[in-house]
Amino acid sequence: MLAEQIQVEALKLKPVEKVRLAESLLSSLDRPAVDIEKKWVNESERRYAAYKSGEIQGIPLAQFSPRKRT
């Protein structure tokens, strides 16, 4: 019932206010898990260090991307 009341009131807002409310609600759902985010950061830093040291080589964009490059 509360959600329905909030929706009724939200629909009365000006378009800009609706957008701000929608962005706020969506961003509250899109928060990454901190532990997973840390693992991705660590992995990307490890891979970058390996690339910089020559331990691994990059893949050319033309080979990696399915789109044709001109």
N, C-alpha and C. Protein backbone atom coordinates (compact mmCIF):
# COMPACT_ATOMS: atom_id res chain seq x y z
N MET A 1 0.83 -1.18 0.00
CA MET A 1 0.00 0.00 0.00
C MET A 1 0.87 1.24 0.00
N LEU A 2 1.94 1.27 0.77
CA LEU A 2 2.82 2.43 0.84
C LEU A 2 3.44 2.72 -0.51
N ALA A 3 3.88 1.68 -1.23
CA ALA A 3 4.49 1.87 -2.54
C ALA A 3 3.50 2.51 -3.51
N GLU A 4 2.25 2.11 -3.43
CA GLU A 4 1.23 2.69 -4.30
C GLU A 4 1.04 4.17 -3.99
N GLN A 5 1.07 4.53 -2.72
CA GLN A 5 0.92 5.93 -2.32
C GLN A 5 2.11 6.76 -2.82
N ILE A 6 3.28 6.21 -2.70
CA ILE A 6 4.48 6.90 -3.17
C ILE A 6 4.41 7.09 -4.69
N GLN A 7 3.95 6.07 -5.39
CA GLN A 7 3.84 6.17 -6.84
C GLN A 7 2.84 7.26 -7.23
N VAL A 8 1.71 7.34 -6.56
CA VAL A 8 0.72 8.37 -6.86
C VAL A 8 1.33 9.76 -6.68
N GLU A 9 2.07 9.94 -5.59
CA GLU A 9 2.70 11.24 -5.33
C GLU A 9 3.82 11.52 -6.33
N ALA A 10 4.58 10.50 -6.67
CA ALA A 10 5.69 10.68 -7.59
C ALA A 10 5.19 11.09 -8.97
N LEU A 11 4.06 10.58 -9.38
CA LEU A 11 3.51 10.93 -10.69
C LEU A 11 3.05 12.39 -10.76
N LYS A 12 2.92 13.02 -9.64
CA LYS A 12 2.53 14.43 -9.58
C LYS A 12 3.74 15.36 -9.73
N LEU A 13 4.93 14.82 -9.68
CA LEU A 13 6.14 15.63 -9.76
C LEU A 13 6.34 16.20 -11.15
N LYS A 14 7.15 17.26 -11.20
CA LYS A 14 7.55 17.82 -12.49
C LYS A 14 8.48 16.83 -13.17
N PRO A 15 8.57 16.86 -14.51
CA PRO A 15 9.42 15.89 -15.22
C PRO A 15 10.86 15.83 -14.71
N VAL A 16 11.47 16.97 -14.44
CA VAL A 16 12.85 16.97 -13.94
C VAL A 16 12.93 16.28 -12.58
N GLU A 17 11.95 16.50 -11.74
CA GLU A 17 11.94 15.86 -10.42
C GLU A 17 11.74 14.36 -10.56
N LYS A 18 10.93 13.95 -11.53
CA LYS A 18 10.72 12.52 -11.77
C LYS A 18 12.03 11.86 -12.21
N VAL A 19 12.76 12.53 -13.08
CA VAL A 19 14.03 11.99 -13.56
C VAL A 19 15.01 11.84 -12.40
N ARG A 20 15.10 12.86 -11.57
CA ARG A 20 16.02 12.78 -10.42
C ARG A 20 15.62 11.64 -9.48
N LEU A 21 14.32 11.49 -9.25
CA LEU A 21 13.85 10.41 -8.39
C LEU A 21 14.16 9.06 -9.01
N ALA A 22 13.90 8.92 -10.31
CA ALA A 22 14.18 7.65 -10.99
C ALA A 22 15.66 7.32 -10.94
N GLU A 23 16.52 8.32 -11.20
CA GLU A 23 17.97 8.08 -11.15
C GLU A 23 18.40 7.66 -9.75
N SER A 24 17.84 8.30 -8.76
CA SER A 24 18.19 7.96 -7.38
C SER A 24 17.78 6.54 -7.04
N LEU A 25 16.58 6.16 -7.44
CA LEU A 25 16.10 4.80 -7.16
C LEU A 25 16.93 3.76 -7.91
N LEU A 26 17.22 4.04 -9.18
CA LEU A 26 18.01 3.09 -9.97
C LEU A 26 19.43 2.94 -9.44
N SER A 27 20.03 4.05 -9.05
CA SER A 27 21.40 3.96 -8.54
C SER A 27 21.46 3.20 -7.23
N SER A 28 20.37 3.22 -6.47
CA SER A 28 20.37 2.47 -5.21
C SER A 28 20.34 0.96 -5.47
N LEU A 29 19.90 0.56 -6.66
CA LEU A 29 19.87 -0.86 -7.01
C LEU A 29 21.15 -1.31 -7.67
N ASP A 30 21.93 -0.37 -8.19
CA ASP A 30 23.09 -0.67 -9.01
C ASP A 30 24.40 -0.53 -8.25
N ARG A 31 24.39 -0.85 -7.01
CA ARG A 31 25.62 -0.76 -6.22
C ARG A 31 26.34 -2.09 -6.25
N PRO A 32 27.58 -2.09 -6.71
CA PRO A 32 28.31 -3.35 -6.76
C PRO A 32 28.69 -3.83 -5.36
N ALA A 33 28.78 -5.13 -5.24
CA ALA A 33 29.24 -5.71 -3.98
C ALA A 33 30.69 -5.30 -3.78
N VAL A 34 31.02 -4.78 -2.63
CA VAL A 34 32.35 -4.24 -2.36
C VAL A 34 33.43 -5.31 -2.54
N ASP A 35 33.19 -6.51 -2.07
CA ASP A 35 34.21 -7.55 -2.18
C ASP A 35 34.44 -7.95 -3.63
N ILE A 36 33.40 -8.00 -4.42
CA ILE A 36 33.55 -8.33 -5.84
C ILE A 36 34.27 -7.21 -6.57
N GLU A 37 33.91 -5.98 -6.26
CA GLU A 37 34.56 -4.83 -6.88
C GLU A 37 36.06 -4.84 -6.58
N LYS A 38 36.43 -5.14 -5.34
CA LYS A 38 37.85 -5.19 -4.96
C LYS A 38 38.59 -6.28 -5.74
N LYS A 39 37.93 -7.43 -5.93
CA LYS A 39 38.55 -8.52 -6.68
C LYS A 39 38.79 -8.11 -8.13
N TRP A 40 37.82 -7.41 -8.74
CA TRP A 40 38.00 -6.95 -10.12
C TRP A 40 39.12 -5.93 -10.22
N VAL A 41 39.21 -5.04 -9.27
CA VAL A 41 40.30 -4.05 -9.27
C VAL A 41 41.64 -4.75 -9.16
N ASN A 42 41.75 -5.68 -8.23
CA ASN A 42 43.01 -6.42 -8.05
C ASN A 42 43.38 -7.19 -9.32
N GLU A 43 42.39 -7.84 -9.93
CA GLU A 43 42.66 -8.61 -11.14
C GLU A 43 43.08 -7.70 -12.29
N SER A 44 42.41 -6.57 -12.46
CA SER A 44 42.78 -5.67 -13.56
C SER A 44 44.17 -5.08 -13.33
N GLU A 45 44.52 -4.77 -12.09
CA GLU A 45 45.86 -4.26 -11.80
C GLU A 45 46.92 -5.33 -12.05
N ARG A 46 46.61 -6.57 -11.70
CA ARG A 46 47.53 -7.68 -11.93
C ARG A 46 47.77 -7.86 -13.44
N ARG A 47 46.69 -7.82 -14.21
CA ARG A 47 46.81 -7.99 -15.66
C ARG A 47 47.57 -6.83 -16.30
N TYR A 48 47.31 -5.64 -15.84
CA TYR A 48 48.00 -4.47 -16.40
C TYR A 48 49.49 -4.55 -16.10
N ALA A 49 49.84 -4.93 -14.88
CA ALA A 49 51.25 -5.06 -14.51
C ALA A 49 51.92 -6.14 -15.37
N ALA A 50 51.22 -7.24 -15.62
CA ALA A 50 51.77 -8.30 -16.46
C ALA A 50 51.96 -7.82 -17.89
N TYR A 51 51.04 -7.01 -18.38
CA TYR A 51 51.16 -6.45 -19.72
C TYR A 51 52.35 -5.49 -19.79
N LYS A 52 52.46 -4.60 -18.82
CA LYS A 52 53.54 -3.61 -18.81
C LYS A 52 54.91 -4.28 -18.71
N SER A 53 54.99 -5.38 -17.99
CA SER A 53 56.28 -6.06 -17.82
C SER A 53 56.62 -6.95 -19.01
N GLY A 54 55.69 -7.13 -19.94
CA GLY A 54 55.94 -7.98 -21.09
C GLY A 54 55.60 -9.44 -20.85
N GLU A 55 55.09 -9.74 -19.67
CA GLU A 55 54.73 -11.12 -19.34
C GLU A 55 53.60 -11.63 -20.25
N ILE A 56 52.67 -10.74 -20.58
CA ILE A 56 51.59 -11.08 -21.51
C ILE A 56 51.51 -10.00 -22.58
N GLN A 57 50.92 -10.36 -23.71
CA GLN A 57 50.79 -9.41 -24.81
C GLN A 57 49.32 -9.07 -25.01
N GLY A 58 49.09 -7.88 -25.56
CA GLY A 58 47.73 -7.46 -25.85
C GLY A 58 47.21 -8.12 -27.11
N ILE A 59 45.90 -8.02 -27.28
CA ILE A 59 45.25 -8.55 -28.48
C ILE A 59 44.87 -7.37 -29.35
N PRO A 60 45.24 -7.36 -30.63
CA PRO A 60 44.86 -6.25 -31.50
C PRO A 60 43.34 -6.11 -31.57
N LEU A 61 42.87 -4.89 -31.59
CA LEU A 61 41.44 -4.62 -31.60
C LEU A 61 40.75 -5.31 -32.77
N ALA A 62 41.36 -5.31 -33.93
CA ALA A 62 40.76 -5.93 -35.11
C ALA A 62 40.51 -7.42 -34.89
N GLN A 63 41.38 -8.07 -34.12
CA GLN A 63 41.22 -9.49 -33.84
C GLN A 63 40.18 -9.71 -32.75
N PHE A 64 40.12 -8.82 -31.80
CA PHE A 64 39.24 -8.98 -30.65
C PHE A 64 37.80 -8.60 -30.96
N SER A 65 37.62 -7.50 -31.70
CA SER A 65 36.30 -6.96 -31.95
C SER A 65 35.65 -7.63 -33.16
N PRO A 66 34.38 -8.02 -33.03
CA PRO A 66 33.70 -8.61 -34.17
C PRO A 66 33.34 -7.58 -35.25
N ARG A 67 33.36 -6.30 -34.89
CA ARG A 67 33.05 -5.25 -35.87
C ARG A 67 34.23 -5.02 -36.79
N LYS A 68 33.93 -4.73 -38.03
CA LYS A 68 34.99 -4.45 -38.99
C LYS A 68 35.48 -3.03 -38.79
N ARG A 69 36.78 -2.88 -38.83
CA ARG A 69 37.41 -1.57 -38.71
C ARG A 69 37.91 -1.15 -40.08
N THR A 70 37.71 0.08 -40.43
CA THR A 70 38.18 0.55 -41.73
C THR A 70 39.33 1.50 -41.55
